[in-house]
């Protein structure tokens, strides 16, 4: 299963998934499998985002400041593993 997009006002998240906000300026809410958090390539993306932007997230979720297409490419790669 790939990333799931949901509106920021939608309800809860399925067990085994987590919310990630992605984007450079306007954030998009996506739901990804928790298993992605253990993948070195995903951890690398998180480390880059932390180094550049820190982890002060006023919108209440994990925020990854990156281009949406970069995030989609990564999650497509992880889905094939």
N, C-alpha and C. Protein backbone atom coordinates (compact mmCIF):
# COMPACT_ATOMS: atom_id res chain seq x y z
N UNK A 1 0.84 -1.17 0.00
CA UNK A 1 0.00 0.00 0.00
C UNK A 1 0.89 1.24 0.00
N UNK A 2 0.56 2.22 -0.77
CA UNK A 2 1.33 3.46 -0.85
C UNK A 2 0.87 4.44 0.21
N UNK A 3 1.19 5.69 -0.01
CA UNK A 3 0.76 6.69 0.96
C UNK A 3 -0.71 6.96 0.77
N UNK A 4 -1.36 7.30 1.84
CA UNK A 4 -2.77 7.63 1.81
C UNK A 4 -2.89 9.11 2.11
N UNK A 5 -3.60 9.82 1.29
CA UNK A 5 -3.81 11.24 1.57
C UNK A 5 -5.18 11.40 2.20
N UNK A 6 -5.25 12.25 3.19
CA UNK A 6 -6.51 12.53 3.86
C UNK A 6 -6.53 14.01 4.18
N UNK A 7 -7.71 14.56 4.27
CA UNK A 7 -7.79 15.97 4.63
C UNK A 7 -7.35 16.15 6.07
N UNK A 8 -6.89 17.34 6.39
CA UNK A 8 -6.40 17.59 7.74
C UNK A 8 -7.53 17.56 8.77
N UNK A 9 -8.77 17.52 8.33
CA UNK A 9 -9.88 17.48 9.27
C UNK A 9 -10.46 16.09 9.40
N UNK A 10 -9.89 15.11 8.72
CA UNK A 10 -10.46 13.77 8.78
C UNK A 10 -10.15 13.12 10.12
N UNK A 11 -10.82 12.01 10.38
CA UNK A 11 -10.72 11.33 11.66
C UNK A 11 -9.40 10.66 11.91
N UNK A 12 -9.46 9.60 12.70
CA UNK A 12 -8.28 8.90 13.18
C UNK A 12 -7.49 8.21 12.08
N UNK A 13 -6.41 7.61 12.51
CA UNK A 13 -5.50 6.93 11.60
C UNK A 13 -5.53 5.44 11.94
N UNK A 14 -5.52 4.61 10.93
CA UNK A 14 -5.54 3.17 11.13
C UNK A 14 -4.33 2.71 11.93
N UNK A 15 -4.52 1.65 12.71
CA UNK A 15 -3.42 1.06 13.47
C UNK A 15 -2.32 0.64 12.51
N UNK A 16 -1.07 0.93 12.86
CA UNK A 16 0.06 0.58 12.01
C UNK A 16 0.46 1.68 11.04
N UNK A 17 -0.21 2.83 11.12
CA UNK A 17 0.08 3.96 10.24
C UNK A 17 0.34 5.20 11.08
N UNK A 18 1.00 6.18 10.47
CA UNK A 18 1.24 7.46 11.16
C UNK A 18 1.05 8.60 10.17
N UNK A 19 0.77 9.76 10.72
CA UNK A 19 0.55 10.97 9.92
C UNK A 19 1.88 11.69 9.74
N UNK A 20 2.14 12.09 8.50
CA UNK A 20 3.31 12.89 8.18
C UNK A 20 2.83 14.07 7.34
N UNK A 21 3.32 15.26 7.68
CA UNK A 21 3.02 16.45 6.88
C UNK A 21 4.22 16.71 5.99
N UNK A 22 3.98 16.82 4.69
CA UNK A 22 5.07 17.01 3.74
C UNK A 22 4.84 18.29 2.94
N UNK A 23 5.92 18.82 2.43
CA UNK A 23 5.84 20.00 1.58
C UNK A 23 6.93 20.98 1.90
N UNK A 24 6.98 22.01 1.09
CA UNK A 24 7.98 23.05 1.30
C UNK A 24 7.34 24.29 1.92
N UNK A 25 6.21 24.70 1.43
CA UNK A 25 5.51 25.86 1.98
C UNK A 25 4.15 25.44 2.53
N UNK A 26 3.31 24.93 1.67
CA UNK A 26 2.00 24.46 2.10
C UNK A 26 2.10 22.97 2.39
N UNK A 27 1.78 22.58 3.61
CA UNK A 27 1.93 21.19 4.02
C UNK A 27 0.74 20.36 3.59
N UNK A 28 1.04 19.13 3.18
CA UNK A 28 0.02 18.17 2.80
C UNK A 28 0.08 17.03 3.81
N UNK A 29 -1.06 16.61 4.32
CA UNK A 29 -1.14 15.53 5.30
C UNK A 29 -1.21 14.20 4.57
N UNK A 30 -0.30 13.30 4.90
CA UNK A 30 -0.31 11.96 4.33
C UNK A 30 -0.21 10.95 5.46
N UNK A 31 -0.69 9.75 5.20
CA UNK A 31 -0.64 8.67 6.18
C UNK A 31 0.22 7.56 5.58
N UNK A 32 1.25 7.15 6.33
CA UNK A 32 2.19 6.14 5.84
C UNK A 32 2.29 5.02 6.85
N UNK A 33 2.68 3.83 6.40
CA UNK A 33 2.89 2.73 7.35
C UNK A 33 4.01 3.06 8.34
N UNK A 34 3.81 2.70 9.59
CA UNK A 34 4.81 2.93 10.63
C UNK A 34 6.12 2.22 10.26
N UNK A 35 6.05 1.13 9.53
CA UNK A 35 7.25 0.38 9.15
C UNK A 35 8.23 1.23 8.36
N UNK A 36 7.74 2.27 7.69
CA UNK A 36 8.65 3.16 6.93
C UNK A 36 9.65 3.85 7.86
N UNK A 37 9.26 4.08 9.11
CA UNK A 37 10.13 4.78 10.05
C UNK A 37 11.41 4.00 10.35
N UNK A 38 11.40 2.69 10.12
CA UNK A 38 12.58 1.85 10.35
C UNK A 38 13.51 1.77 9.15
N UNK A 39 13.10 2.29 8.01
CA UNK A 39 13.88 2.17 6.79
C UNK A 39 14.98 3.24 6.75
N UNK A 40 16.22 2.84 6.46
CA UNK A 40 17.33 3.80 6.44
C UNK A 40 17.09 5.00 5.52
N UNK A 41 16.49 4.80 4.37
CA UNK A 41 16.27 5.91 3.44
C UNK A 41 15.25 6.90 4.01
N UNK A 42 14.24 6.42 4.72
CA UNK A 42 13.26 7.29 5.34
C UNK A 42 13.90 8.02 6.51
N UNK A 43 14.70 7.32 7.30
CA UNK A 43 15.41 7.94 8.42
C UNK A 43 16.36 9.03 7.93
N UNK A 44 16.98 8.80 6.79
CA UNK A 44 17.87 9.80 6.20
C UNK A 44 17.09 11.08 5.85
N UNK A 45 15.93 10.91 5.24
CA UNK A 45 15.09 12.06 4.91
C UNK A 45 14.69 12.82 6.17
N UNK A 46 14.32 12.09 7.22
CA UNK A 46 13.97 12.73 8.49
C UNK A 46 15.15 13.48 9.09
N UNK A 47 16.33 12.88 9.01
CA UNK A 47 17.53 13.53 9.56
C UNK A 47 17.85 14.82 8.81
N UNK A 48 17.69 14.80 7.49
CA UNK A 48 17.92 16.00 6.70
C UNK A 48 16.92 17.09 7.07
N UNK A 49 15.66 16.71 7.24
CA UNK A 49 14.63 17.68 7.62
C UNK A 49 14.91 18.24 9.01
N UNK A 50 15.33 17.38 9.94
CA UNK A 50 15.65 17.85 11.29
C UNK A 50 16.83 18.82 11.27
N UNK A 51 17.85 18.48 10.50
CA UNK A 51 19.05 19.33 10.44
C UNK A 51 18.72 20.72 9.89
N UNK A 52 17.86 20.74 8.88
CA UNK A 52 17.56 22.02 8.23
C UNK A 52 16.47 22.81 8.95
N UNK A 53 15.45 22.11 9.48
CA UNK A 53 14.28 22.80 10.00
C UNK A 53 13.99 22.53 11.47
N UNK A 54 14.67 21.55 12.09
CA UNK A 54 14.37 21.19 13.47
C UNK A 54 13.08 20.41 13.57
N UNK A 55 12.66 20.14 14.80
CA UNK A 55 11.44 19.37 15.01
C UNK A 55 10.41 20.13 15.82
N UNK A 56 10.31 21.43 15.63
CA UNK A 56 9.27 22.24 16.25
C UNK A 56 8.09 22.26 15.28
N UNK A 57 7.08 21.45 15.56
CA UNK A 57 5.99 21.26 14.62
C UNK A 57 4.67 21.77 15.18
N UNK A 58 4.33 23.00 14.87
CA UNK A 58 3.11 23.59 15.42
C UNK A 58 1.83 22.92 14.93
N UNK A 59 1.87 22.15 13.84
CA UNK A 59 0.64 21.53 13.34
C UNK A 59 0.37 20.18 13.99
N UNK A 60 1.26 19.74 14.88
CA UNK A 60 0.97 18.59 15.71
C UNK A 60 1.32 17.23 15.14
N UNK A 61 2.11 17.15 14.12
CA UNK A 61 2.51 15.86 13.57
C UNK A 61 3.93 15.91 13.09
N UNK A 62 4.40 14.79 12.63
CA UNK A 62 5.74 14.71 12.06
C UNK A 62 5.75 15.51 10.76
N UNK A 63 6.65 16.46 10.66
CA UNK A 63 6.71 17.34 9.49
C UNK A 63 8.01 17.14 8.75
N UNK A 64 7.91 16.91 7.45
CA UNK A 64 9.09 16.72 6.61
C UNK A 64 9.07 17.79 5.53
N UNK A 65 9.97 18.76 5.65
CA UNK A 65 10.06 19.82 4.67
C UNK A 65 10.85 19.31 3.46
N UNK A 66 10.13 18.87 2.45
CA UNK A 66 10.76 18.42 1.21
C UNK A 66 9.73 18.54 0.10
N UNK A 67 10.21 18.44 -1.12
CA UNK A 67 9.29 18.48 -2.25
C UNK A 67 8.41 17.24 -2.20
N UNK A 68 7.15 17.44 -2.54
CA UNK A 68 6.19 16.34 -2.49
C UNK A 68 6.62 15.18 -3.39
N UNK A 69 7.15 15.48 -4.57
CA UNK A 69 7.55 14.41 -5.49
C UNK A 69 8.71 13.58 -4.93
N UNK A 70 9.60 14.19 -4.15
CA UNK A 70 10.69 13.46 -3.51
C UNK A 70 10.12 12.47 -2.51
N UNK A 71 9.16 12.91 -1.71
CA UNK A 71 8.54 12.05 -0.72
C UNK A 71 7.78 10.91 -1.40
N UNK A 72 7.05 11.21 -2.44
CA UNK A 72 6.30 10.18 -3.18
C UNK A 72 7.25 9.15 -3.78
N UNK A 73 8.34 9.61 -4.38
CA UNK A 73 9.33 8.68 -4.95
C UNK A 73 9.88 7.75 -3.87
N UNK A 74 10.19 8.30 -2.70
CA UNK A 74 10.73 7.50 -1.61
C UNK A 74 9.71 6.47 -1.14
N UNK A 75 8.47 6.88 -0.94
CA UNK A 75 7.47 5.93 -0.45
C UNK A 75 7.14 4.86 -1.50
N UNK A 76 7.22 5.21 -2.77
CA UNK A 76 7.03 4.19 -3.82
C UNK A 76 8.16 3.17 -3.78
N UNK A 77 9.38 3.65 -3.56
CA UNK A 77 10.53 2.75 -3.44
C UNK A 77 10.36 1.83 -2.23
N UNK A 78 9.96 2.39 -1.11
CA UNK A 78 9.78 1.60 0.11
C UNK A 78 8.66 0.57 -0.03
N UNK A 79 7.64 0.92 -0.76
CA UNK A 79 6.52 -0.01 -0.96
C UNK A 79 6.96 -1.26 -1.72
N UNK A 80 7.98 -1.11 -2.58
CA UNK A 80 8.46 -2.25 -3.38
C UNK A 80 9.39 -3.17 -2.60
N UNK A 81 9.86 -2.74 -1.42
CA UNK A 81 10.77 -3.56 -0.63
C UNK A 81 10.09 -4.76 -0.04
